[in-house]
Amino acid sequence: MASLATGATFGQYRIIRLLGRGGMGEVYEAEHTTLGLRYALKLLPADFAARPNALERFRQEARVMGQLHHAGRPRR
């Protein structure tokens, strides 16, 4: 997987920095260019979709992470 450079854009997001890299891809701190809000943006390896149940596992992780609330993340 190719890493995204600081300042690069990915859709409507501007990459702030790489937060981490692991078996399920890379996670970046990214800012939505219109809203000005910061998010964690996870990029999956290209071969990820070929693994059985991998995309459903990712969707489940996204749903769980979307429900988390903490002082550093504003509620919407």
N, C-alpha and C. Protein backbone atom coordinates (compact mmCIF):
# COMPACT_ATOMS: atom_id res chain seq x y z
N MET A 1 0.85 -1.18 0.00
CA MET A 1 0.00 0.00 0.00
C MET A 1 0.89 1.23 0.00
N ALA A 2 0.56 2.16 -0.89
CA ALA A 2 1.32 3.40 -0.98
C ALA A 2 0.85 4.36 0.10
N SER A 3 1.78 4.95 0.79
CA SER A 3 1.46 5.90 1.84
C SER A 3 1.05 7.23 1.24
N LEU A 4 0.18 7.94 1.94
CA LEU A 4 -0.23 9.28 1.52
C LEU A 4 0.69 10.31 2.18
N ALA A 5 1.06 11.32 1.44
CA ALA A 5 1.95 12.35 1.96
C ALA A 5 1.16 13.39 2.75
N THR A 6 1.80 13.97 3.75
CA THR A 6 1.20 15.08 4.48
C THR A 6 0.83 16.17 3.49
N GLY A 7 -0.41 16.68 3.60
CA GLY A 7 -0.89 17.73 2.70
C GLY A 7 -1.59 17.21 1.46
N ALA A 8 -1.45 15.91 1.17
CA ALA A 8 -2.13 15.31 0.02
C ALA A 8 -3.63 15.32 0.28
N THR A 9 -4.41 15.23 -0.78
CA THR A 9 -5.85 15.12 -0.62
C THR A 9 -6.32 13.74 -1.04
N PHE A 10 -7.37 13.29 -0.36
CA PHE A 10 -7.99 12.00 -0.64
C PHE A 10 -9.50 12.27 -0.60
N GLY A 11 -10.10 12.41 -1.77
CA GLY A 11 -11.50 12.82 -1.81
C GLY A 11 -11.63 14.21 -1.21
N GLN A 12 -12.49 14.36 -0.21
CA GLN A 12 -12.70 15.66 0.44
C GLN A 12 -11.85 15.83 1.69
N TYR A 13 -10.82 15.03 1.83
CA TYR A 13 -9.98 15.07 3.03
C TYR A 13 -8.56 15.49 2.68
N ARG A 14 -7.96 16.31 3.54
CA ARG A 14 -6.56 16.68 3.44
C ARG A 14 -5.81 15.93 4.52
N ILE A 15 -4.75 15.25 4.15
CA ILE A 15 -3.97 14.43 5.08
C ILE A 15 -3.14 15.32 5.99
N ILE A 16 -3.32 15.12 7.29
CA ILE A 16 -2.54 15.86 8.29
C ILE A 16 -1.27 15.08 8.64
N ARG A 17 -1.45 13.79 8.99
CA ARG A 17 -0.29 12.96 9.34
C ARG A 17 -0.70 11.49 9.42
N LEU A 18 0.28 10.61 9.29
CA LEU A 18 0.08 9.18 9.47
C LEU A 18 0.00 8.90 10.97
N LEU A 19 -1.06 8.21 11.40
CA LEU A 19 -1.20 7.85 12.82
C LEU A 19 -0.65 6.46 13.10
N GLY A 20 -0.80 5.54 12.14
CA GLY A 20 -0.33 4.20 12.36
C GLY A 20 -0.52 3.31 11.15
N ARG A 21 0.14 2.17 11.19
CA ARG A 21 0.11 1.22 10.08
C ARG A 21 0.04 -0.18 10.68
N GLY A 22 -0.81 -1.03 10.11
CA GLY A 22 -0.94 -2.38 10.62
C GLY A 22 -1.47 -3.33 9.57
N GLY A 23 -1.93 -4.50 10.03
CA GLY A 23 -2.39 -5.54 9.13
C GLY A 23 -3.62 -5.18 8.31
N MET A 24 -4.44 -4.26 8.82
CA MET A 24 -5.64 -3.86 8.08
C MET A 24 -5.46 -2.53 7.36
N GLY A 25 -4.26 -2.03 7.25
CA GLY A 25 -4.03 -0.81 6.48
C GLY A 25 -3.34 0.29 7.25
N GLU A 26 -3.54 1.51 6.76
CA GLU A 26 -2.93 2.70 7.34
C GLU A 26 -4.02 3.63 7.86
N VAL A 27 -3.73 4.30 8.97
CA VAL A 27 -4.69 5.24 9.55
C VAL A 27 -4.04 6.62 9.58
N TYR A 28 -4.78 7.59 9.05
CA TYR A 28 -4.29 8.96 8.97
C TYR A 28 -5.20 9.90 9.75
N GLU A 29 -4.62 10.96 10.27
CA GLU A 29 -5.42 12.08 10.73
C GLU A 29 -5.67 12.92 9.49
N ALA A 30 -6.95 13.20 9.22
CA ALA A 30 -7.31 13.94 8.02
C ALA A 30 -8.36 15.00 8.36
N GLU A 31 -8.33 16.09 7.61
CA GLU A 31 -9.30 17.16 7.82
C GLU A 31 -10.23 17.24 6.62
N HIS A 32 -11.53 17.26 6.90
CA HIS A 32 -12.52 17.44 5.84
C HIS A 32 -12.36 18.86 5.31
N THR A 33 -12.14 19.01 4.02
CA THR A 33 -11.77 20.31 3.47
C THR A 33 -12.92 21.31 3.49
N THR A 34 -14.15 20.86 3.50
CA THR A 34 -15.29 21.77 3.54
C THR A 34 -15.73 22.06 4.97
N LEU A 35 -15.84 21.02 5.78
CA LEU A 35 -16.36 21.16 7.14
C LEU A 35 -15.31 21.64 8.14
N GLY A 36 -14.03 21.41 7.84
CA GLY A 36 -12.98 21.80 8.76
C GLY A 36 -12.86 20.88 9.96
N LEU A 37 -13.53 19.73 9.93
CA LEU A 37 -13.47 18.76 11.03
C LEU A 37 -12.39 17.73 10.76
N ARG A 38 -11.80 17.24 11.85
CA ARG A 38 -10.74 16.22 11.71
C ARG A 38 -11.29 14.85 12.01
N TYR A 39 -10.80 13.89 11.25
CA TYR A 39 -11.23 12.49 11.37
C TYR A 39 -10.02 11.58 11.28
N ALA A 40 -10.23 10.33 11.69
CA ALA A 40 -9.26 9.27 11.41
C ALA A 40 -9.72 8.63 10.10
N LEU A 41 -8.84 8.56 9.13
CA LEU A 41 -9.13 8.00 7.81
C LEU A 41 -8.33 6.73 7.65
N LYS A 42 -9.01 5.60 7.46
CA LYS A 42 -8.33 4.32 7.34
C LYS A 42 -8.33 3.87 5.89
N LEU A 43 -7.15 3.58 5.36
CA LEU A 43 -7.01 3.08 3.99
C LEU A 43 -6.65 1.61 4.05
N LEU A 44 -7.40 0.81 3.32
CA LEU A 44 -7.21 -0.63 3.32
C LEU A 44 -6.29 -1.06 2.19
N PRO A 45 -5.53 -2.15 2.38
CA PRO A 45 -4.70 -2.68 1.30
C PRO A 45 -5.57 -3.17 0.14
N ALA A 46 -5.06 -3.10 -1.08
CA ALA A 46 -5.82 -3.48 -2.27
C ALA A 46 -6.31 -4.93 -2.21
N ASP A 47 -5.54 -5.82 -1.63
CA ASP A 47 -5.92 -7.23 -1.59
C ASP A 47 -6.92 -7.55 -0.47
N PHE A 48 -7.29 -6.55 0.32
CA PHE A 48 -8.17 -6.76 1.46
C PHE A 48 -9.52 -7.34 1.06
N ALA A 49 -10.09 -6.83 -0.01
CA ALA A 49 -11.43 -7.27 -0.44
C ALA A 49 -11.46 -8.74 -0.83
N ALA A 50 -10.33 -9.30 -1.17
CA ALA A 50 -10.28 -10.71 -1.57
C ALA A 50 -10.37 -11.67 -0.38
N ARG A 51 -10.16 -11.18 0.81
CA ARG A 51 -10.22 -12.04 2.00
C ARG A 51 -11.68 -12.29 2.39
N PRO A 52 -12.01 -13.53 2.75
CA PRO A 52 -13.38 -13.84 3.16
C PRO A 52 -13.81 -12.98 4.36
N ASN A 53 -14.96 -12.37 4.26
CA ASN A 53 -15.58 -11.57 5.32
C ASN A 53 -14.81 -10.32 5.71
N ALA A 54 -13.78 -9.96 4.97
CA ALA A 54 -12.94 -8.82 5.35
C ALA A 54 -13.71 -7.51 5.29
N LEU A 55 -14.46 -7.29 4.23
CA LEU A 55 -15.18 -6.02 4.11
C LEU A 55 -16.26 -5.89 5.18
N GLU A 56 -16.93 -6.98 5.50
CA GLU A 56 -17.94 -6.92 6.56
C GLU A 56 -17.27 -6.63 7.90
N ARG A 57 -16.10 -7.21 8.15
CA ARG A 57 -15.35 -6.94 9.38
C ARG A 57 -15.00 -5.45 9.46
N PHE A 58 -14.59 -4.87 8.34
CA PHE A 58 -14.26 -3.45 8.31
C PHE A 58 -15.50 -2.60 8.57
N ARG A 59 -16.62 -2.94 7.94
CA ARG A 59 -17.86 -2.19 8.16
C ARG A 59 -18.28 -2.25 9.64
N GLN A 60 -18.14 -3.43 10.23
CA GLN A 60 -18.50 -3.58 11.65
C GLN A 60 -17.60 -2.71 12.52
N GLU A 61 -16.31 -2.71 12.23
CA GLU A 61 -15.37 -1.86 12.98
C GLU A 61 -15.76 -0.39 12.82
N ALA A 62 -16.12 0.03 11.62
CA ALA A 62 -16.50 1.42 11.37
C ALA A 62 -17.75 1.80 12.17
N ARG A 63 -18.73 0.90 12.23
CA ARG A 63 -19.94 1.18 13.00
C ARG A 63 -19.63 1.34 14.48
N VAL A 64 -18.80 0.47 15.02
CA VAL A 64 -18.44 0.54 16.44
C VAL A 64 -17.66 1.82 16.72
N MET A 65 -16.68 2.13 15.89
CA MET A 65 -15.87 3.33 16.11
C MET A 65 -16.72 4.59 15.98
N GLY A 66 -17.71 4.58 15.10
CA GLY A 66 -18.58 5.73 14.93
C GLY A 66 -19.46 6.01 16.14
N GLN A 67 -19.63 5.04 17.01
CA GLN A 67 -20.46 5.20 18.20
C GLN A 67 -19.67 5.67 19.41
N LEU A 68 -18.35 5.68 19.32
CA LEU A 68 -17.52 6.10 20.44
C LEU A 68 -17.59 7.60 20.63
N HIS A 69 -17.59 8.02 21.89
CA HIS A 69 -17.57 9.45 22.21
C HIS A 69 -16.51 9.68 23.29
N HIS A 70 -15.75 10.74 23.12
CA HIS A 70 -14.75 11.12 24.13
C HIS A 70 -14.55 12.62 24.07
N ALA A 71 -13.83 13.15 25.02
CA ALA A 71 -13.67 14.60 25.13
C ALA A 71 -13.03 15.23 23.89
N GLY A 72 -12.20 14.50 23.19
CA GLY A 72 -11.53 15.03 22.02
C GLY A 72 -12.34 14.96 20.74
N ARG A 73 -13.51 14.36 20.80
CA ARG A 73 -14.33 14.21 19.60
C ARG A 73 -15.69 14.86 19.84
N PRO A 74 -16.01 15.91 19.08
CA PRO A 74 -17.31 16.56 19.29
C PRO A 74 -18.45 15.65 18.86
N ARG A 75 -19.56 15.74 19.58
CA ARG A 75 -20.76 14.97 19.19
C ARG A 75 -21.45 15.69 18.06
N ARG A 76 -22.05 14.93 17.18
CA ARG A 76 -22.79 15.51 16.05
C ARG A 76 -24.23 15.14 16.17
